[in-house]
Amino acid sequence: SFPTRRSSDLTYMKKNGAECCYVTLAFDGQQLVLTKPKGFFQERLVEIPVDEISHLTCDEHFGSQRIGFIHHNDYYEFYTCGLSVIDYMKEQLFV
């Protein structure tokens, strides 16, 4: 089972090659929870069940690490931006 741990760093996310924003992420049980900073608040964007993730990839993009996957026909990409966010995702997704 996945431990609950909060990443405090922002990371850059791209969805379907067009929608771009900074997000924080956390694994809560078997869910990847993405939130977007909105002033003093956090806007919860989506909760993705880990067992519904497919086509999981990890590569380099212009010298930085990138993780990508598909969920319900949407393609998500996460780029190294903060400290250890990509490593945290690897620990949780590549088991």
Protein backbone atom coordinates (compact mmCIF):
# COMPACT_ATOMS: atom_id res chain seq x y z
CA SER A 1 0.00 0.00 0.00
CA PHE A 2 1.06 3.58 -0.60
CA PRO A 3 1.91 5.82 2.33
CA THR A 4 0.31 9.23 2.60
CA ARG A 5 2.95 11.84 1.99
CA ARG A 6 2.64 15.41 0.82
CA SER A 7 5.05 16.97 -1.63
CA SER A 8 5.49 20.61 -0.75
CA ASP A 9 7.30 21.48 -3.97
CA LEU A 10 5.52 22.67 -7.06
CA THR A 11 6.13 20.82 -10.27
CA TYR A 12 5.24 21.71 -13.83
CA MET A 13 2.44 19.63 -15.37
CA LYS A 14 1.26 19.45 -18.94
CA LYS A 15 -2.03 17.75 -19.87
CA ASN A 16 -2.69 16.61 -23.44
CA GLY A 17 0.24 18.70 -24.66
CA ALA A 18 -1.61 21.98 -24.18
CA GLU A 19 -2.99 22.64 -20.70
CA CYS A 20 -0.04 23.70 -18.54
CA CYS A 21 0.10 24.65 -14.89
CA TYR A 22 2.06 24.21 -11.68
CA VAL A 23 0.72 21.61 -9.27
CA THR A 24 1.54 19.96 -5.99
CA LEU A 25 0.93 16.26 -5.75
CA ALA A 26 0.42 13.65 -3.08
CA PHE A 27 -0.23 9.94 -3.00
CA ASP A 28 -3.15 9.23 -0.71
CA GLY A 29 -3.64 5.50 -0.44
CA GLN A 30 -4.06 4.27 -4.01
CA GLN A 31 -4.77 7.75 -5.44
CA LEU A 32 -2.56 10.40 -6.98
CA VAL A 33 -4.05 13.73 -5.88
CA LEU A 34 -3.18 16.83 -7.92
CA THR A 35 -3.83 20.28 -6.49
CA LYS A 36 -3.21 23.71 -7.94
CA PRO A 37 -2.21 26.73 -5.85
CA LYS A 38 -4.87 29.43 -5.91
CA GLY A 39 -3.86 32.34 -3.70
CA PHE A 40 -3.83 31.14 -0.11
CA PHE A 41 -5.91 28.09 -1.05
CA GLN A 42 -5.39 24.87 -2.96
CA GLU A 43 -7.76 23.91 -5.76
CA ARG A 44 -8.05 20.13 -6.08
CA LEU A 45 -7.75 19.35 -9.78
CA VAL A 46 -8.10 15.59 -9.99
CA GLU A 47 -7.73 12.34 -8.08
CA ILE A 48 -6.28 9.58 -10.23
CA PRO A 49 -6.51 5.97 -9.04
CA VAL A 50 -3.01 4.52 -9.45
CA ASP A 51 -4.40 1.27 -10.89
CA GLU A 52 -6.00 3.27 -13.76
CA ILE A 53 -2.66 4.72 -14.91
CA SER A 54 -1.27 3.23 -18.12
CA HIS A 55 1.66 3.84 -20.48
CA LEU A 56 3.89 4.99 -17.62
CA THR A 57 7.17 6.47 -18.88
CA CYS A 58 10.20 8.17 -17.38
CA ASP A 59 12.74 9.94 -19.59
CA GLU A 60 14.75 13.13 -19.94
CA HIS A 61 13.54 16.31 -21.61
CA PHE A 62 16.23 18.92 -22.27
CA GLY A 63 18.35 17.48 -19.45
CA SER A 64 15.57 17.30 -16.84
CA GLN A 65 13.60 14.26 -15.75
CA ARG A 66 10.04 13.81 -16.97
CA ILE A 67 7.30 11.31 -16.06
CA GLY A 68 4.32 10.71 -18.31
CA PHE A 69 1.25 8.50 -18.24
CA ILE A 70 -2.24 8.10 -19.62
CA HIS A 71 -5.43 8.20 -17.55
CA HIS A 72 -8.85 7.97 -19.26
CA ASN A 73 -7.46 9.10 -22.65
CA ASP A 74 -5.71 12.12 -21.09
CA TYR A 75 -1.93 12.30 -21.32
CA TYR A 76 -0.20 13.81 -18.28
CA GLU A 77 3.45 14.92 -18.19
CA PHE A 78 5.34 16.06 -15.09
CA TYR A 79 8.64 17.88 -15.33
CA THR A 80 11.41 18.36 -12.79
CA CYS A 81 10.82 21.74 -11.22
CA GLY A 82 11.12 21.37 -7.46
CA LEU A 83 13.43 19.26 -5.40
CA SER A 84 12.64 15.54 -5.35
CA VAL A 85 9.14 15.65 -6.89
CA ILE A 86 10.07 13.34 -9.77
CA ASP A 87 11.94 11.02 -7.38
CA TYR A 88 8.86 10.94 -5.13
CA MET A 89 6.67 10.02 -8.13
CA LYS A 90 9.12 7.27 -9.16
CA GLU A 91 9.05 5.78 -5.64
CA GLN A 92 5.26 5.58 -5.77
CA LEU A 93 4.59 4.65 -9.41
CA PHE A 94 7.47 2.42 -10.45
CA VAL A 95 7.00 -0.41 -7.96
